[in-house]
Amino acid sequence: MRFIILLSILFFSLSPTVYSEEKIDPTGTFSSLEYVEEGGDLVGEEIKIVYTSRSGYQAAIQFAEGEPSELIVVKVNIKGNKVQFEIAEPDTFAGVFTGTLDIKGLKGVYRYKKGGLETNWNLPRKASYWDN
């Protein structure tokens, strides 16, 4: 009887840990794009992650540094809440993103290949700038 009680206590003490590790859906739109009226500029980044049956996760990425760039499509590596993708050269925005995903959005560091510049990204999960 003591063994059963001890086993029950152990099970219930571990269960919040087991169930609190909720799997987060990596698909969706993550965006910091915003229009700045003073200069008439669009600034920020936007990523739309989708799942494909042939290639796994892919993303359409758009940069805006005054005006919007063309869309860039890349393969996205996702393991748990870790996200990584690379934009290949010779693209102007060539670099590597490494970050984490949670229910609120996507955060991480983008390292440009040219010049070694690093920028911190905090992209909330929300509707696309273009859907407004």
N, C-alpha and C. Protein backbone atom coordinates (compact mmCIF):
# COMPACT_ATOMS: atom_id res chain seq x y z
N MET A 1 0.82 -1.19 0.00
CA MET A 1 0.00 0.00 0.00
C MET A 1 0.87 1.27 0.00
N ARG A 2 1.93 1.26 0.80
CA ARG A 2 2.83 2.43 0.83
C ARG A 2 3.45 2.66 -0.54
N PHE A 3 3.77 1.58 -1.22
CA PHE A 3 4.38 1.69 -2.55
C PHE A 3 3.42 2.39 -3.52
N ILE A 4 2.15 2.04 -3.46
CA ILE A 4 1.15 2.64 -4.34
C ILE A 4 1.00 4.13 -4.02
N ILE A 5 0.99 4.49 -2.75
CA ILE A 5 0.88 5.89 -2.36
C ILE A 5 2.11 6.66 -2.84
N LEU A 6 3.29 6.09 -2.62
CA LEU A 6 4.52 6.74 -3.06
C LEU A 6 4.55 6.92 -4.57
N LEU A 7 4.12 5.89 -5.28
CA LEU A 7 4.06 5.95 -6.74
C LEU A 7 3.07 7.02 -7.20
N SER A 8 1.93 7.13 -6.53
CA SER A 8 0.93 8.15 -6.88
C SER A 8 1.47 9.55 -6.65
N ILE A 9 2.16 9.76 -5.53
CA ILE A 9 2.73 11.08 -5.24
C ILE A 9 3.77 11.44 -6.29
N LEU A 10 4.61 10.49 -6.64
CA LEU A 10 5.63 10.72 -7.65
C LEU A 10 5.00 11.07 -9.00
N PHE A 11 3.97 10.33 -9.39
CA PHE A 11 3.31 10.57 -10.67
C PHE A 11 2.70 11.96 -10.73
N PHE A 12 1.95 12.34 -9.67
CA PHE A 12 1.30 13.64 -9.69
C PHE A 12 2.27 14.81 -9.55
N SER A 13 3.42 14.58 -8.93
CA SER A 13 4.40 15.65 -8.83
C SER A 13 5.13 15.87 -10.16
N LEU A 14 5.21 14.84 -10.99
CA LEU A 14 5.87 14.97 -12.29
C LEU A 14 4.92 15.40 -13.40
N SER A 15 3.64 15.15 -13.26
CA SER A 15 2.70 15.39 -14.34
C SER A 15 2.63 16.84 -14.80
N PRO A 16 2.73 17.88 -13.92
CA PRO A 16 2.72 19.24 -14.46
C PRO A 16 3.90 19.51 -15.39
N THR A 17 5.05 18.95 -15.09
CA THR A 17 6.22 19.13 -15.94
C THR A 17 5.99 18.48 -17.29
N VAL A 18 5.44 17.29 -17.30
CA VAL A 18 5.21 16.56 -18.54
C VAL A 18 4.21 17.30 -19.42
N TYR A 19 3.11 17.76 -18.82
CA TYR A 19 2.06 18.38 -19.61
C TYR A 19 2.32 19.85 -19.92
N SER A 20 3.25 20.49 -19.22
CA SER A 20 3.51 21.90 -19.48
C SER A 20 4.36 22.12 -20.73
N GLU A 21 4.99 21.09 -21.24
CA GLU A 21 5.79 21.21 -22.45
C GLU A 21 4.89 21.07 -23.67
N GLU A 22 4.13 22.13 -23.91
CA GLU A 22 3.17 22.16 -24.99
C GLU A 22 3.87 22.34 -26.33
N LYS A 23 3.47 21.54 -27.31
CA LYS A 23 4.05 21.67 -28.65
C LYS A 23 3.46 22.91 -29.32
N ILE A 24 4.34 23.73 -29.85
CA ILE A 24 3.93 24.98 -30.47
C ILE A 24 3.91 24.81 -31.98
N ASP A 25 2.82 25.23 -32.60
CA ASP A 25 2.70 25.17 -34.05
C ASP A 25 3.64 26.20 -34.67
N PRO A 26 4.62 25.75 -35.46
CA PRO A 26 5.58 26.69 -36.04
C PRO A 26 5.06 27.43 -37.27
N THR A 27 3.90 27.03 -37.78
CA THR A 27 3.39 27.69 -38.98
C THR A 27 2.68 28.99 -38.61
N GLY A 28 2.74 29.93 -39.52
CA GLY A 28 2.06 31.20 -39.30
C GLY A 28 2.90 32.36 -39.78
N THR A 29 2.42 33.56 -39.48
CA THR A 29 3.09 34.78 -39.89
C THR A 29 3.69 35.47 -38.67
N PHE A 30 4.93 35.90 -38.82
CA PHE A 30 5.68 36.58 -37.76
C PHE A 30 6.20 37.87 -38.37
N SER A 31 5.83 39.02 -37.80
CA SER A 31 6.11 40.26 -38.50
C SER A 31 6.44 41.42 -37.58
N SER A 32 7.42 42.22 -38.03
CA SER A 32 7.71 43.49 -37.38
C SER A 32 7.56 44.63 -38.39
N LEU A 33 7.00 44.32 -39.56
CA LEU A 33 6.84 45.36 -40.59
C LEU A 33 5.93 46.47 -40.07
N GLU A 34 6.39 47.70 -40.29
CA GLU A 34 5.55 48.85 -39.94
C GLU A 34 5.86 50.01 -40.86
N TYR A 35 4.84 50.80 -41.08
CA TYR A 35 4.97 51.99 -41.92
C TYR A 35 5.31 53.17 -41.04
N VAL A 36 6.35 53.91 -41.42
CA VAL A 36 6.78 55.10 -40.69
C VAL A 36 6.34 56.31 -41.51
N GLU A 37 5.32 57.00 -41.02
CA GLU A 37 4.73 58.12 -41.78
C GLU A 37 5.69 59.27 -42.03
N GLU A 38 6.54 59.58 -41.05
CA GLU A 38 7.47 60.71 -41.19
C GLU A 38 8.28 60.64 -42.48
N GLY A 39 8.85 59.48 -42.74
CA GLY A 39 9.68 59.34 -43.94
C GLY A 39 8.98 58.62 -45.07
N GLY A 40 7.76 58.12 -44.81
CA GLY A 40 7.05 57.36 -45.83
C GLY A 40 7.72 56.02 -46.11
N ASP A 41 8.38 55.48 -45.06
CA ASP A 41 9.14 54.24 -45.24
C ASP A 41 8.45 53.04 -44.60
N LEU A 42 8.70 51.88 -45.19
CA LEU A 42 8.29 50.62 -44.60
C LEU A 42 9.55 49.97 -44.04
N VAL A 43 9.53 49.57 -42.77
CA VAL A 43 10.71 48.98 -42.14
C VAL A 43 10.33 47.71 -41.38
N GLY A 44 11.31 46.80 -41.25
CA GLY A 44 11.11 45.57 -40.49
C GLY A 44 11.30 44.32 -41.32
N GLU A 45 10.87 43.20 -40.75
CA GLU A 45 10.97 41.91 -41.42
C GLU A 45 9.65 41.16 -41.23
N GLU A 46 9.35 40.30 -42.20
CA GLU A 46 8.16 39.46 -42.08
C GLU A 46 8.49 38.06 -42.59
N ILE A 47 8.06 37.06 -41.83
CA ILE A 47 8.30 35.66 -42.19
C ILE A 47 6.98 34.92 -42.12
N LYS A 48 6.66 34.19 -43.17
CA LYS A 48 5.49 33.30 -43.17
C LYS A 48 6.02 31.89 -43.31
N ILE A 49 5.82 31.07 -42.27
CA ILE A 49 6.28 29.69 -42.27
C ILE A 49 5.11 28.77 -42.61
N VAL A 50 5.34 27.89 -43.58
CA VAL A 50 4.33 26.92 -43.99
C VAL A 50 4.95 25.52 -44.02
N TYR A 51 4.10 24.51 -44.01
CA TYR A 51 4.58 23.13 -44.11
C TYR A 51 4.27 22.61 -45.51
N THR A 52 5.26 21.92 -46.11
CA THR A 52 5.06 21.28 -47.40
C THR A 52 5.34 19.80 -47.26
N SER A 53 4.59 18.98 -47.97
CA SER A 53 4.76 17.53 -47.84
C SER A 53 6.08 17.04 -48.44
N ARG A 54 6.61 17.73 -49.42
CA ARG A 54 7.86 17.30 -50.05
C ARG A 54 9.11 17.84 -49.36
N SER A 55 9.07 19.08 -48.93
CA SER A 55 10.28 19.72 -48.40
C SER A 55 10.25 20.03 -46.92
N GLY A 56 9.17 19.70 -46.23
CA GLY A 56 9.07 20.06 -44.83
C GLY A 56 8.70 21.53 -44.70
N TYR A 57 9.26 22.21 -43.70
CA TYR A 57 8.92 23.61 -43.47
C TYR A 57 9.68 24.53 -44.42
N GLN A 58 8.96 25.51 -44.93
CA GLN A 58 9.55 26.55 -45.77
C GLN A 58 9.04 27.89 -45.28
N ALA A 59 9.77 28.96 -45.62
CA ALA A 59 9.34 30.29 -45.25
C ALA A 59 9.48 31.24 -46.42
N ALA A 60 8.53 32.17 -46.49
CA ALA A 60 8.63 33.30 -47.40
C ALA A 60 9.01 34.48 -46.51
N ILE A 61 10.13 35.12 -46.84
CA ILE A 61 10.70 36.18 -46.02
C ILE A 61 10.73 37.47 -46.82
N GLN A 62 10.38 38.57 -46.14
CA GLN A 62 10.46 39.87 -46.78
C GLN A 62 11.12 40.86 -45.83
N PHE A 63 12.11 41.54 -46.33
CA PHE A 63 12.81 42.60 -45.59
C PHE A 63 12.26 43.94 -46.08
N ALA A 64 12.29 44.95 -45.21
CA ALA A 64 11.91 46.29 -45.64
C ALA A 64 12.85 47.28 -44.96
N GLU A 65 13.59 47.99 -45.80
CA GLU A 65 14.52 49.02 -45.32
C GLU A 65 14.19 50.30 -46.07
N GLY A 66 12.98 50.77 -45.91
CA GLY A 66 12.49 51.93 -46.65
C GLY A 66 11.41 51.51 -47.62
N GLU A 67 11.69 50.46 -48.36
CA GLU A 67 10.69 49.87 -49.25
C GLU A 67 10.83 48.36 -49.18
N PRO A 68 9.77 47.62 -49.52
CA PRO A 68 9.80 46.16 -49.37
C PRO A 68 10.67 45.47 -50.42
N SER A 69 11.40 44.44 -49.95
CA SER A 69 12.21 43.62 -50.86
C SER A 69 11.31 42.61 -51.57
N GLU A 70 11.91 41.91 -52.52
CA GLU A 70 11.21 40.77 -53.13
C GLU A 70 11.12 39.67 -52.09
N LEU A 71 10.17 38.76 -52.26
CA LEU A 71 10.06 37.62 -51.35
C LEU A 71 11.23 36.67 -51.57
N ILE A 72 11.69 36.10 -50.47
CA ILE A 72 12.77 35.11 -50.50
C ILE A 72 12.21 33.84 -49.88
N VAL A 73 12.29 32.72 -50.60
CA VAL A 73 11.77 31.44 -50.08
C VAL A 73 12.95 30.57 -49.67
N VAL A 74 12.88 30.05 -48.43
CA VAL A 74 13.96 29.22 -47.89
C VAL A 74 13.39 28.01 -47.18
N LYS A 75 14.24 27.00 -47.02
CA LYS A 75 13.92 25.84 -46.20
C LYS A 75 14.16 26.23 -44.74
N VAL A 76 13.27 25.79 -43.84
CA VAL A 76 13.39 26.12 -42.42
C VAL A 76 13.60 24.84 -41.63
N ASN A 77 14.63 24.83 -40.79
CA ASN A 77 14.89 23.69 -39.90
C ASN A 77 14.26 24.00 -38.56
N ILE A 78 13.38 23.10 -38.10
CA ILE A 78 12.69 23.27 -36.83
C ILE A 78 12.89 22.02 -35.99
N LYS A 79 13.41 22.20 -34.78
CA LYS A 79 13.58 21.11 -33.81
C LYS A 79 13.07 21.62 -32.48
N GLY A 80 11.93 21.09 -32.05
CA GLY A 80 11.30 21.59 -30.83
C GLY A 80 10.91 23.04 -31.04
N ASN A 81 11.43 23.94 -30.20
CA ASN A 81 11.12 25.36 -30.37
C ASN A 81 12.28 26.13 -31.02
N LYS A 82 13.29 25.40 -31.52
CA LYS A 82 14.44 26.02 -32.18
C LYS A 82 14.18 26.14 -33.68
N VAL A 83 14.50 27.32 -34.23
CA VAL A 83 14.25 27.61 -35.64
C VAL A 83 15.54 28.12 -36.27
N GLN A 84 15.85 27.61 -37.47
CA GLN A 84 17.03 28.09 -38.19
C GLN A 84 16.75 28.05 -39.69
N PHE A 85 17.23 29.09 -40.37
CA PHE A 85 17.18 29.09 -41.84
C PHE A 85 18.33 29.92 -42.36
N GLU A 86 18.62 29.71 -43.64
CA GLU A 86 19.72 30.43 -44.28
C GLU A 86 19.27 30.99 -45.61
N ILE A 87 19.65 32.23 -45.85
CA ILE A 87 19.44 32.85 -47.16
C ILE A 87 20.80 32.83 -47.84
N ALA A 88 20.84 32.15 -48.99
CA ALA A 88 22.11 31.92 -49.68
C ALA A 88 22.57 33.15 -50.45
N GLU A 89 23.87 33.21 -50.66
CA GLU A 89 24.45 34.23 -51.53
C GLU A 89 24.10 33.87 -52.96
N PRO A 90 24.00 34.75 -53.86
CA PRO A 90 24.43 36.14 -53.83
C PRO A 90 23.34 37.11 -53.37
N ASP A 91 22.26 36.63 -52.76
CA ASP A 91 21.19 37.52 -52.33
C ASP A 91 21.75 38.64 -51.45
N THR A 92 21.23 39.84 -51.62
CA THR A 92 21.65 41.00 -50.83
C THR A 92 21.50 40.74 -49.33
N PHE A 93 20.49 39.96 -48.96
CA PHE A 93 20.20 39.69 -47.55
C PHE A 93 20.78 38.36 -47.08
N ALA A 94 21.76 37.81 -47.77
CA ALA A 94 22.36 36.52 -47.42
C ALA A 94 22.77 36.51 -45.95
N GLY A 95 22.39 35.42 -45.27
CA GLY A 95 22.73 35.30 -43.86
C GLY A 95 22.05 34.10 -43.23
N VAL A 96 22.18 34.00 -41.91
CA VAL A 96 21.63 32.87 -41.16
C VAL A 96 20.83 33.40 -39.97
N PHE A 97 19.62 32.85 -39.80
CA PHE A 97 18.79 33.17 -38.63
C PHE A 97 18.80 31.97 -37.70
N THR A 98 19.01 32.24 -36.41
CA THR A 98 18.92 31.22 -35.38
C THR A 98 18.07 31.80 -34.25
N GLY A 99 17.00 31.09 -33.89
CA GLY A 99 16.13 31.64 -32.86
C GLY A 99 15.23 30.61 -32.23
N THR A 100 14.27 31.12 -31.47
CA THR A 100 13.31 30.27 -30.77
C THR A 100 11.90 30.76 -31.04
N LEU A 101 10.98 29.83 -30.93
CA LEU A 101 9.58 30.07 -31.22
C LEU A 101 8.78 29.83 -29.95
N ASP A 102 7.81 30.70 -29.66
CA ASP A 102 6.86 30.43 -28.60
C ASP A 102 5.49 30.88 -29.09
N ILE A 103 4.49 30.80 -28.22
CA ILE A 103 3.14 31.13 -28.68
C ILE A 103 2.99 32.59 -29.07
N LYS A 104 3.87 33.46 -28.56
CA LYS A 104 3.79 34.89 -28.87
C LYS A 104 4.49 35.26 -30.17
N GLY A 105 5.54 34.50 -30.55
CA GLY A 105 6.25 34.86 -31.76
C GLY A 105 7.58 34.18 -31.93
N LEU A 106 8.42 34.79 -32.73
CA LEU A 106 9.72 34.27 -33.11
C LEU A 106 10.79 35.28 -32.72
N LYS A 107 11.79 34.83 -31.96
CA LYS A 107 12.88 35.71 -31.53
C LYS A 107 14.20 35.07 -31.88
N GLY A 108 15.18 35.89 -32.21
CA GLY A 108 16.49 35.34 -32.49
C GLY A 108 17.43 36.37 -33.07
N VAL A 109 18.51 35.86 -33.64
CA VAL A 109 19.56 36.71 -34.21
C VAL A 109 19.73 36.38 -35.68
N TYR A 110 19.77 37.42 -36.50
CA TYR A 110 20.06 37.25 -37.93
C TYR A 110 21.48 37.76 -38.16
N ARG A 111 22.33 36.88 -38.71
CA ARG A 111 23.73 37.22 -38.98
C ARG A 111 23.92 37.33 -40.50
N TYR A 112 24.19 38.55 -40.95
CA TYR A 112 24.43 38.78 -42.38
C TYR A 112 25.79 38.21 -42.75
N LYS A 113 25.88 37.60 -43.94
CA LYS A 113 27.16 37.05 -44.39
C LYS A 113 28.14 38.15 -44.77
N LYS A 114 27.64 39.21 -45.38
CA LYS A 114 28.52 40.32 -45.77
C LYS A 114 28.64 41.29 -44.60
N GLY A 115 29.84 41.52 -44.16
CA GLY A 115 30.08 42.49 -43.09
C GLY A 115 29.91 41.95 -41.68
N GLY A 116 29.33 40.76 -41.53
CA GLY A 116 29.18 40.15 -40.22
C GLY A 116 28.21 40.84 -39.28
N LEU A 117 27.37 41.74 -39.81
CA LEU A 117 26.40 42.45 -38.99
C LEU A 117 25.40 41.47 -38.39
N GLU A 118 25.05 41.67 -37.12
CA GLU A 118 24.04 40.85 -36.45
C GLU A 118 22.90 41.75 -36.02
N THR A 119 21.67 41.31 -36.24
CA THR A 119 20.51 42.06 -35.77
C THR A 119 19.61 41.13 -34.97
N ASN A 120 19.07 41.66 -33.88
CA ASN A 120 18.12 40.90 -33.07
C ASN A 120 16.73 41.06 -33.66
N TRP A 121 16.05 39.94 -33.83
CA TRP A 121 14.69 39.97 -34.35
C TRP A 121 13.73 39.56 -33.26
N ASN A 122 12.66 40.32 -33.13
CA ASN A 122 11.55 39.97 -32.26
C ASN A 122 10.30 40.14 -33.12
N LEU A 123 9.84 39.03 -33.68
CA LEU A 123 8.73 39.07 -34.63
C LEU A 123 7.48 38.47 -34.00
N PRO A 124 6.54 39.32 -33.60
CA PRO A 124 5.30 38.81 -33.02
C PRO A 124 4.51 37.97 -34.03
N ARG A 125 3.80 36.99 -33.51
CA ARG A 125 2.89 36.19 -34.34
C ARG A 125 1.63 37.04 -34.55
N LYS A 126 1.38 37.42 -35.80
CA LYS A 126 0.21 38.24 -36.09
C LYS A 126 -0.11 38.19 -37.58
N ALA A 127 -1.16 38.84 -37.96
CA ALA A 127 -1.53 38.90 -39.37
C ALA A 127 -0.43 39.63 -40.15
N SER A 128 -0.32 39.28 -41.41
CA SER A 128 0.65 39.93 -42.27
C SER A 128 0.38 41.43 -42.36
N TYR A 129 1.43 42.20 -42.49
CA TYR A 129 1.30 43.64 -42.74
C TYR A 129 0.40 43.86 -43.95
N TRP A 130 0.52 42.97 -44.94
CA TRP A 130 -0.21 43.13 -46.21
C TRP A 130 -1.68 42.78 -46.10
N ASP A 131 -2.09 42.18 -44.99
CA ASP A 131 -3.50 41.84 -44.79
C ASP A 131 -4.28 43.00 -44.17
N ASN A 132 -3.59 44.05 -43.79
CA ASN A 132 -4.28 45.20 -43.13
C ASN A 132 -4.91 46.12 -44.14
